[in-house]
Protein backbone atom coordinates (compact mmCIF):
# COMPACT_ATOMS: atom_id res chain seq x y z
CA MET A 1 10.94 -9.24 84.54
CA LEU A 2 12.53 -12.62 84.10
CA GLY A 3 15.25 -12.97 81.54
CA PRO A 4 17.38 -15.81 80.27
CA THR A 5 19.12 -17.81 82.96
CA PRO A 6 22.86 -17.33 82.55
CA GLY A 7 24.59 -20.57 81.69
CA ALA A 8 21.39 -22.55 81.09
CA HIS A 9 21.23 -24.48 77.85
CA PRO A 10 18.59 -23.16 75.43
CA LEU A 11 16.81 -26.54 75.45
CA VAL A 12 16.50 -26.36 79.23
CA GLN A 13 15.02 -22.89 78.92
CA ALA A 14 12.60 -24.09 76.24
CA LEU A 15 11.49 -27.01 78.40
CA ALA A 16 10.96 -24.73 81.40
CA SER A 17 8.92 -22.34 79.26
CA ALA A 18 6.80 -25.17 77.88
CA LEU A 19 6.08 -26.47 81.38
CA LEU A 20 4.96 -23.00 82.50
CA VAL A 21 2.67 -22.54 79.49
CA ILE A 22 1.00 -25.96 79.24
CA GLY A 23 -0.97 -25.61 82.50
CA PRO A 24 -2.68 -22.30 81.72
CA ALA A 25 -3.26 -23.41 78.11
CA ALA A 26 -5.04 -26.58 79.28
CA LEU A 27 -7.16 -24.58 81.72
CA SER A 28 -8.06 -22.11 78.98
CA TRP A 29 -9.12 -24.94 76.70
CA GLN A 30 -11.23 -26.69 79.34
CA LEU A 31 -12.85 -23.62 80.89
CA ILE A 32 -13.28 -21.21 77.94
CA GLU A 33 -12.60 -22.52 74.46
CA LYS A 34 -14.28 -25.94 74.57
CA PRO A 35 -17.54 -24.64 76.12
CA ALA A 36 -17.61 -21.80 73.59
CA LEU A 37 -17.29 -24.23 70.69
CA ASN A 38 -20.08 -26.36 72.17
CA LEU A 39 -22.33 -23.30 72.37
CA LYS A 40 -21.51 -22.44 68.78
CA ALA A 41 -22.35 -25.97 67.62
CA ARG A 42 -25.66 -25.92 69.50
CA ARG A 43 -26.55 -22.55 68.01
CA LEU A 44 -25.83 -23.77 64.48
CA LEU A 45 -28.00 -26.86 65.00
CA ALA A 46 -30.91 -25.04 66.68
CA PRO A 47 -33.87 -23.88 64.59
CA ASP A 48 -33.78 -20.21 63.76
CA THR A 49 -36.61 -18.89 65.94
CA ALA A 50 -35.15 -15.44 66.45
CA ARG A 51 -36.09 -14.15 62.99
CA LEU A 52 -39.09 -11.94 62.65
CA PRO A 53 -41.62 -12.88 59.98
CA GLY A 54 -41.67 -10.82 56.84
């Protein structure tokens, strides 16, 4: 497990953490979250044909 780097300034550690997180976050948005929101929007706009009569 990685811990704080001895002697590194907290801002340097924060910047390093941000750089490590931004890549996976962008991939998650592009590959999972954005398509899911598009599906949700399409489902809300589509006519409700799944209901049974009565």
